[in-house]
Every structure is written in C-alpha cells, then in structure tokens.
PDB file of N, CA and C in Angstrom:
ATOM      1  N   MET A   1      -1.760  -4.385  -2.523  1.00  0.00           N
ATOM      2  CA  MET A   1      -2.640  -4.633  -1.352  1.00  0.00           C
ATOM      3  C   MET A   1      -3.502  -3.509  -1.489  1.00  0.00           C
ATOM      4  N   ARG A   2      -4.717  -3.811  -0.575  1.00  0.00           N
ATOM      5  CA  ARG A   2      -5.690  -2.824  -0.525  1.00  0.00           C
ATOM      6  C   ARG A   2      -5.921  -2.389   0.866  1.00  0.00           C
ATOM      7  N   THR A   3      -6.132  -1.172   1.278  1.00  0.00           N
ATOM      8  CA  THR A   3      -6.230  -0.859   2.593  1.00  0.00           C
ATOM      9  C   THR A   3      -7.126   0.676   2.593  1.00  0.00           C
ATOM     10  N   ASN A   4      -7.896   0.663   3.612  1.00  0.00           N
ATOM     11  CA  ASN A   4      -8.412   2.081   3.918  1.00  0.00           C
ATOM     12  C   ASN A   4      -7.538   2.853   4.952  1.00  0.00           C
ATOM     13  N   ASP A   5      -6.677   2.092   5.726  1.00  0.00           N
ATOM     14  CA  ASP A   5      -5.883   2.572   6.871  1.00  0.00           C
ATOM     15  C   ASP A   5      -4.820   3.691   6.481  1.00  0.00           C
ATOM     16  N   LEU A   6      -4.924   4.757   6.421  1.00  0.00           N
ATOM     17  CA  LEU A   6      -4.075   6.004   6.125  1.00  0.00           C
ATOM     18  C   LEU A   6      -2.606   5.861   6.710  1.00  0.00           C
ATOM     19  N   VAL A   7      -2.742   5.319   7.902  1.00  0.00           N
ATOM     20  CA  VAL A   7      -1.489   5.249   8.568  1.00  0.00           C
ATOM     21  C   VAL A   7      -0.501   4.009   7.906  1.00  0.00           C
ATOM     22  N   MET A   8      -1.261   2.998   7.869  1.00  0.00           N
ATOM     23  CA  MET A   8      -0.632   1.872   7.210  1.00  0.00           C
ATOM     24  C   MET A   8      -0.103   2.146   5.862  1.00  0.00           C
ATOM     25  N   ILE A   9      -0.904   2.772   4.984  1.00  0.00           N
ATOM     26  CA  ILE A   9      -0.300   3.364   3.754  1.00  0.00           C
ATOM     27  C   ILE A   9       0.889   4.221   3.904  1.00  0.00           C
ATOM     28  N   SER A  10       1.013   4.944   4.819  1.00  0.00           N
ATOM     29  CA  SER A  10       2.033   5.931   5.039  1.00  0.00           C
ATOM     30  C   SER A  10       3.282   4.965   5.271  1.00  0.00           C
ATOM     31  N   VAL A  11       3.100   4.171   6.376  1.00  0.00           N
ATOM     32  CA  VAL A  11       3.969   3.127   6.873  1.00  0.00           C
ATOM     33  C   VAL A  11       4.710   2.511   5.634  1.00  0.00           C
ATOM     34  N   ILE A  12       3.742   1.996   4.875  1.00  0.00           N
ATOM     35  CA  ILE A  12       4.346   1.081   3.492  1.00  0.00           C
ATOM     36  C   ILE A  12       4.815   1.842   2.494  1.00  0.00           C
ATOM     37  N   GLU A  13       4.481   3.125   2.386  1.00  0.00           N
ATOM     38  CA  GLU A  13       5.090   3.984   1.530  1.00  0.00           C
ATOM     39  C   GLU A  13       6.470   4.391   1.911  1.00  0.00           C
ATOM     40  N   SER A  14       6.734   4.476   3.243  1.00  0.00           N
ATOM     41  CA  SER A  14       7.892   4.826   3.683  1.00  0.00           C
ATOM     42  C   SER A  14       9.010   3.648   3.476  1.00  0.00           C
ATOM     43  N   LEU A  15       8.383   2.429   3.894  1.00  0.00           N
ATOM     44  CA  LEU A  15       9.283   1.370   3.670  1.00  0.00           C
ATOM     45  C   LEU A  15       9.721   1.133   2.268  1.00  0.00           C
ATOM     46  N   LEU A  16       8.828   1.200   1.224  1.00  0.00           N
ATOM     47  CA  LEU A  16       9.241   1.130  -0.068  1.00  0.00           C
ATOM     48  C   LEU A  16      10.103   2.146  -0.628  1.00  0.00           C
ATOM     49  N   THR A  17       9.651   3.413  -0.166  1.00  0.00           N
ATOM     50  CA  THR A  17      10.591   4.485  -0.686  1.00  0.00           C
ATOM     51  C   THR A  17      12.102   4.381   0.008  1.00  0.00           C
ATOM     52  N   GLN A  18      12.271   4.024   1.155  1.00  0.00           N
ATOM     53  CA  GLN A  18      13.413   3.792   1.770  1.00  0.00           C
ATOM     54  C   GLN A  18      14.380   2.703   1.049  1.00  0.00           C
ATOM     55  N   GLU A  19      13.622   1.606   0.555  1.00  0.00           N
ATOM     56  CA  GLU A  19      14.332   0.598  -0.060  1.00  0.00           C
ATOM     57  C   GLU A  19      14.339   0.796  -1.524  1.00  0.00           C
ATOM     58  N   GLY A  20      13.955   1.928  -2.112  1.00  0.00           N
ATOM     59  CA  GLY A  20      13.917   2.249  -3.588  1.00  0.00           C
ATOM     60  C   GLY A  20      13.181   1.503  -4.280  1.00  0.00           C
ATOM     61  N   VAL A  21      11.990   0.964  -3.793  1.00  0.00           N
ATOM     62  CA  VAL A  21      11.051   0.052  -4.548  1.00  0.00           C
ATOM     63  C   VAL A  21       9.934   1.173  -5.259  1.00  0.00           C
ATOM     64  N   PRO A  22       9.904   1.200  -6.539  1.00  0.00           N
ATOM     65  CA  PRO A  22       8.956   2.071  -7.105  1.00  0.00           C
ATOM     66  C   PRO A  22       7.494   1.548  -6.830  1.00  0.00           C
ATOM     67  N   TYR A  23       6.434   2.590  -6.505  1.00  0.00           N
ATOM     68  CA  TYR A  23       5.077   2.064  -6.298  1.00  0.00           C
ATOM     69  C   TYR A  23       4.303   3.106  -6.739  1.00  0.00           C
ATOM     70  N   PHE A  24       3.032   2.755  -6.692  1.00  0.00           N
ATOM     71  CA  PHE A  24       1.743   3.653  -7.202  1.00  0.00           C
ATOM     72  C   PHE A  24       0.651   3.462  -6.254  1.00  0.00           C
ATOM     73  N   VAL A  25       0.115   4.437  -5.642  1.00  0.00           N
ATOM     74  CA  VAL A  25      -1.063   4.517  -4.675  1.00  0.00           C
ATOM     75  C   VAL A  25      -2.273   4.753  -5.495  1.00  0.00           C
ATOM     76  N   ALA A  26      -3.234   3.864  -5.989  1.00  0.00           N
ATOM     77  CA  ALA A  26      -4.282   4.090  -6.798  1.00  0.00           C
ATOM     78  C   ALA A  26      -5.407   4.326  -5.966  1.00  0.00           C
ATOM     79  N   ASP A  27      -6.281   5.154  -6.460  1.00  0.00           N
ATOM     80  CA  ASP A  27      -7.565   5.500  -5.800  1.00  0.00           C
ATOM     81  C   ASP A  27      -7.553   6.426  -4.662  1.00  0.00           C
ATOM     82  N   GLN A  28      -6.293   7.091  -4.622  1.00  0.00           N
ATOM     83  CA  GLN A  28      -5.786   8.034  -3.292  1.00  0.00           C
ATOM     84  C   GLN A  28      -6.747   9.484  -3.440  1.00  0.00           C
ATOM     85  N   HIS A  29      -7.192   9.660  -4.604  1.00  0.00           N
ATOM     86  CA  HIS A  29      -8.107  11.037  -4.804  1.00  0.00           C
ATOM     87  C   HIS A  29      -9.382  10.742  -4.972  1.00  0.00           C
ATOM     88  N   MET A  30      -9.836   9.344  -4.685  1.00  0.00           N
ATOM     89  CA  MET A  30     -11.190   8.901  -4.786  1.00  0.00           C
ATOM     90  C   MET A  30     -12.084   9.558  -3.629  1.00  0.00           C
ATOM     91  N   SER A  31     -11.487  10.273  -2.434  1.00  0.00           N
ATOM     92  CA  SER A  31     -12.180  10.552  -1.302  1.00  0.00           C
ATOM     93  C   SER A  31     -13.005  11.801  -1.828  1.00  0.00           C
ATOM     94  N   ALA A  32     -12.578  12.503  -2.730  1.00  0.00           N
ATOM     95  CA  ALA A  32     -13.229  13.562  -3.450  1.00  0.00           C
ATOM     96  C   ALA A  32     -14.762  13.086  -4.069  1.00  0.00           C
ATOM     97  N   VAL A  33     -14.543  12.204  -4.401  1.00  0.00           N
ATOM     98  CA  VAL A  33     -15.836  11.229  -5.107  1.00  0.00           C
ATOM     99  C   VAL A  33     -16.909  10.842  -4.149  1.00  0.00           C
ATOM    100  N   GLU A  34     -15.990   9.943  -3.191  1.00  0.00           N
ATOM    101  CA  GLU A  34     -16.846   9.267  -2.069  1.00  0.00           C
ATOM    102  C   GLU A  34     -17.364  10.216  -1.067  1.00  0.00           C
ATOM    103  N   GLY A  35     -16.902  11.511  -0.933  1.00  0.00           N
ATOM    104  CA  GLY A  35     -17.446  12.338   0.162  1.00  0.00           C
ATOM    105  C   GLY A  35     -16.516  12.194   1.454  1.00  0.00           C
ATOM    106  N   SER A  36     -15.379  11.744   1.157  1.00  0.00           N
ATOM    107  CA  SER A  36     -14.239  11.477   2.427  1.00  0.00           C
ATOM    108  C   SER A  36     -14.969  10.632   3.522  1.00  0.00           C
ATOM    109  N   LEU A  37     -15.583   9.657   2.884  1.00  0.00           N
ATOM    110  CA  LEU A  37     -16.151   8.466   3.813  1.00  0.00           C
ATOM    111  C   LEU A  37     -15.185   7.598   4.209  1.00  0.00           C
ATOM    112  N   GLY A  38     -14.259   7.455   3.305  1.00  0.00           N
ATOM    113  CA  GLY A  38     -13.038   6.205   3.350  1.00  0.00           C
ATOM    114  C   GLY A  38     -13.495   4.956   3.221  1.00  0.00           C
ATOM    115  N   PHE A  39     -14.582   4.745   2.505  1.00  0.00           N
ATOM    116  CA  PHE A  39     -15.248   3.235   2.257  1.00  0.00           C
ATOM    117  C   PHE A  39     -14.453   2.544   0.912  1.00  0.00           C
ATOM    118  N   LEU A  40     -13.807   3.438   0.180  1.00  0.00           N
ATOM    119  CA  LEU A  40     -13.055   2.732  -0.962  1.00  0.00           C
ATOM    120  C   LEU A  40     -11.587   2.679  -0.571  1.00  0.00           C
ATOM    121  N   PRO A  41     -11.185   1.497  -0.690  1.00  0.00           N
ATOM    122  CA  PRO A  41      -9.748   1.226  -0.270  1.00  0.00           C
ATOM    123  C   PRO A  41      -8.746   1.623  -1.446  1.00  0.00           C
ATOM    124  N   ARG A  42      -7.711   2.046  -0.817  1.00  0.00           N
ATOM    125  CA  ARG A  42      -6.625   2.578  -1.725  1.00  0.00           C
ATOM    126  C   ARG A  42      -5.751   1.294  -2.112  1.00  0.00           C
ATOM    127  N   ARG A  43      -5.247   1.267  -3.197  1.00  0.00           N
ATOM    128  CA  ARG A  43      -4.264   0.100  -3.508  1.00  0.00           C
ATOM    129  C   ARG A  43      -3.018   0.609  -3.791  1.00  0.00           C
ATOM    130  N   ILE A  44      -2.008   0.075  -3.154  1.00  0.00           N
ATOM    131  CA  ILE A  44      -0.669   0.157  -3.134  1.00  0.00           C
ATOM    132  C   ILE A  44      -0.106  -0.930  -4.210  1.00  0.00           C
ATOM    133  N   MET A  45       0.308  -0.433  -5.477  1.00  0.00           N
ATOM    134  CA  MET A  45       0.756  -1.223  -6.488  1.00  0.00           C
ATOM    135  C   MET A  45       2.318  -1.069  -6.814  1.00  0.00           C
ATOM    136  N   VAL A  46       2.806  -2.187  -7.038  1.00  0.00           N
ATOM    137  CA  VAL A  46       4.214  -2.344  -7.425  1.00  0.00           C
ATOM    138  C   VAL A  46       4.370  -3.060  -8.672  1.00  0.00           C
ATOM    139  N   ASP A  47       5.381  -2.930  -9.582  1.00  0.00           N
ATOM    140  CA  ASP A  47       5.708  -3.554 -10.615  1.00  0.00           C
ATOM    141  C   ASP A  47       5.757  -4.965 -10.493  1.00  0.00           C
ATOM    142  N   THR A  48       5.442  -5.868 -11.370  1.00  0.00           N
ATOM    143  CA  THR A  48       5.641  -7.302 -11.172  1.00  0.00           C
ATOM    144  C   THR A  48       6.934  -7.553 -10.808  1.00  0.00           C
ATOM    145  N   GLU A  49       8.021  -7.099 -11.486  1.00  0.00           N
ATOM    146  CA  GLU A  49       9.188  -7.463 -11.248  1.00  0.00           C
ATOM    147  C   GLU A  49       9.841  -7.163  -9.866  1.00  0.00           C
ATOM    148  N   GLN A  50       9.013  -6.221  -9.279  1.00  0.00           N
ATOM    149  CA  GLN A  50       9.363  -5.940  -7.764  1.00  0.00           C
ATOM    150  C   GLN A  50       8.554  -6.276  -6.647  1.00  0.00           C
ATOM    151  N   SER A  51       7.476  -7.190  -7.270  1.00  0.00           N
ATOM    152  CA  SER A  51       6.582  -7.717  -6.130  1.00  0.00           C
ATOM    153  C   SER A  51       7.079  -8.493  -5.069  1.00  0.00           C
ATOM    154  N   ASN A  52       7.977  -9.558  -5.458  1.00  0.00           N
ATOM    155  CA  ASN A  52       8.556 -10.452  -4.471  1.00  0.00           C
ATOM    156  C   ASN A  52       9.316  -9.306  -3.430  1.00  0.00           C
ATOM    157  N   ARG A  53      10.186  -8.547  -3.868  1.00  0.00           N
ATOM    158  CA  ARG A  53      10.953  -7.704  -2.974  1.00  0.00           C
ATOM    159  C   ARG A  53      10.039  -7.079  -2.084  1.00  0.00           C
ATOM    160  N   ALA A  54       9.151  -6.398  -2.599  1.00  0.00           N
ATOM    161  CA  ALA A  54       7.993  -5.578  -1.719  1.00  0.00           C
ATOM    162  C   ALA A  54       7.328  -6.437  -0.777  1.00  0.00           C
ATOM    163  N   ARG A  55       6.999  -7.631  -1.084  1.00  0.00           N
ATOM    164  CA  ARG A  55       6.324  -8.624  -0.172  1.00  0.00           C
ATOM    165  C   ARG A  55       7.360  -8.808   0.919  1.00  0.00           C
ATOM    166  N   ARG A  56       8.612  -9.158   0.497  1.00  0.00           N
ATOM    167  CA  ARG A  56       9.541  -9.375   1.422  1.00  0.00           C
ATOM    168  C   ARG A  56       9.846  -8.461   2.449  1.00  0.00           C
ATOM    169  N   LEU A  57       9.883  -7.047   1.981  1.00  0.00           N
ATOM    170  CA  LEU A  57      10.116  -5.931   2.920  1.00  0.00           C
ATOM    171  C   LEU A  57       8.865  -5.909   3.958  1.00  0.00           C
ATOM    172  N   LEU A  58       7.678  -6.178   3.407  1.00  0.00           N
ATOM    173  CA  LEU A  58       6.457  -5.982   4.233  1.00  0.00           C
ATOM    174  C   LEU A  58       6.575  -7.163   5.357  1.00  0.00           C
ATOM    175  N   GLN A  59       6.970  -8.197   4.876  1.00  0.00           N
ATOM    176  CA  GLN A  59       7.108  -9.206   5.636  1.00  0.00           C
ATOM    177  C   GLN A  59       8.006  -9.135   6.982  1.00  0.00           C
ATOM    178  N   GLU A  60       9.158  -8.530   6.523  1.00  0.00           N
ATOM    179  CA  GLU A  60      10.240  -8.374   7.444  1.00  0.00           C
ATOM    180  C   GLU A  60       9.815  -7.207   8.444  1.00  0.00           C
ATOM    181  N   ALA A  61       8.977  -6.386   7.917  1.00  0.00           N
ATOM    182  CA  ALA A  61       8.727  -5.222   8.800  1.00  0.00           C
ATOM    183  C   ALA A  61       7.454  -5.514   9.658  1.00  0.00           C
ATOM    184  N   GLY A  62       7.081  -7.038   9.763  1.00  0.00           N
ATOM    185  CA  GLY A  62       5.859  -7.402  10.539  1.00  0.00           C
ATOM    186  C   GLY A  62       4.558  -7.134   9.846  1.00  0.00           C
ATOM    187  N   LEU A  63       4.530  -6.935   8.660  1.00  0.00           N
ATOM    188  CA  LEU A  63       3.082  -6.558   8.022  1.00  0.00           C
ATOM    189  C   LEU A  63       2.619  -7.698   7.210  1.00  0.00           C
ATOM    190  N   ALA A  64       3.086  -9.015   7.397  1.00  0.00           N
ATOM    191  CA  ALA A  64       2.485  -9.982   6.597  1.00  0.00           C
ATOM    192  C   ALA A  64       1.077 -10.192   6.603  1.00  0.00           C
ATOM    193  N   ALA A  65       0.527  -9.909   7.681  1.00  0.00           N
ATOM    194  CA  ALA A  65      -0.994 -10.021   7.878  1.00  0.00           C
ATOM    195  C   ALA A  65      -1.647  -8.848   6.961  1.00  0.00           C
ATOM    196  N   GLU A  66      -1.105  -7.952   6.637  1.00  0.00           N
ATOM    197  CA  GLU A  66      -1.620  -6.722   5.751  1.00  0.00           C
ATOM    198  C   GLU A  66      -1.702  -7.494   4.228  1.00  0.00           C
ATOM    199  N   LEU A  67      -0.764  -8.172   4.040  1.00  0.00           N
ATOM    200  CA  LEU A  67      -0.640  -8.813   2.621  1.00  0.00           C
ATOM    201  C   LEU A  67      -1.921  -9.861   2.311  1.00  0.00           C
ATOM    202  N   ARG A  68      -2.508 -10.301   3.293  1.00  0.00           N
ATOM    203  CA  ARG A  68      -3.598 -11.139   3.164  1.00  0.00           C
ATOM    204  C   ARG A  68      -4.893 -10.297   2.499  1.00  0.00           C
ATOM    205  N   HIS A  69      -5.096  -8.778   2.722  1.00  0.00           N
ATOM    206  CA  HIS A  69      -6.065  -8.056   2.387  1.00  0.00           C
ATOM    207  C   HIS A  69      -5.936  -7.511   1.104  1.00  0.00           C
ATOM    208  N   GLU A  70      -5.232  -8.369   0.067  1.00  0.00           N
ATOM    209  CA  GLU A  70      -4.993  -7.757  -1.228  1.00  0.00           C
ATOM    210  C   GLU A  70      -6.289  -7.848  -1.904  1.00  0.00           C
TER     211      GLU A  70
END
C-alpha cells in the first residue's frame, strides 16, 4: 500500500510487527530529496507469500479502506 500519512504507517508497522509479518517501508528516506514536503508516498511492502495475511490483519483492524489506496 502507499500513503503519505505517517501515523497510518506507524499503525500498520505496529500491526505487522505484532503479528510477525515481515515488511519493508520503501521511500521512507525520500523526504531528504523532496525537501520534507511529504508529496512522495511511502510504500509498505510485504512478501507475496504474506500478502493475504497482511491484508486480513489490516481489514480486521478496520483499515480496509486504506488498502484501496495501493
């Protein structure tokens, strides 16, 4: 998924970590390049084998709408 919302990223990282789902946040250091304007979304990535589990966790947490912003 992609988002500029730092709080949402933190919530998702917490959920995935809590459930032992490995993830990677891509583009998190791009703010240095963009001048901290926040217009480049960060991408939360999980392995293909974990994608269904990660989606289910986010849906159960009430974050299904966020999945539509991929």
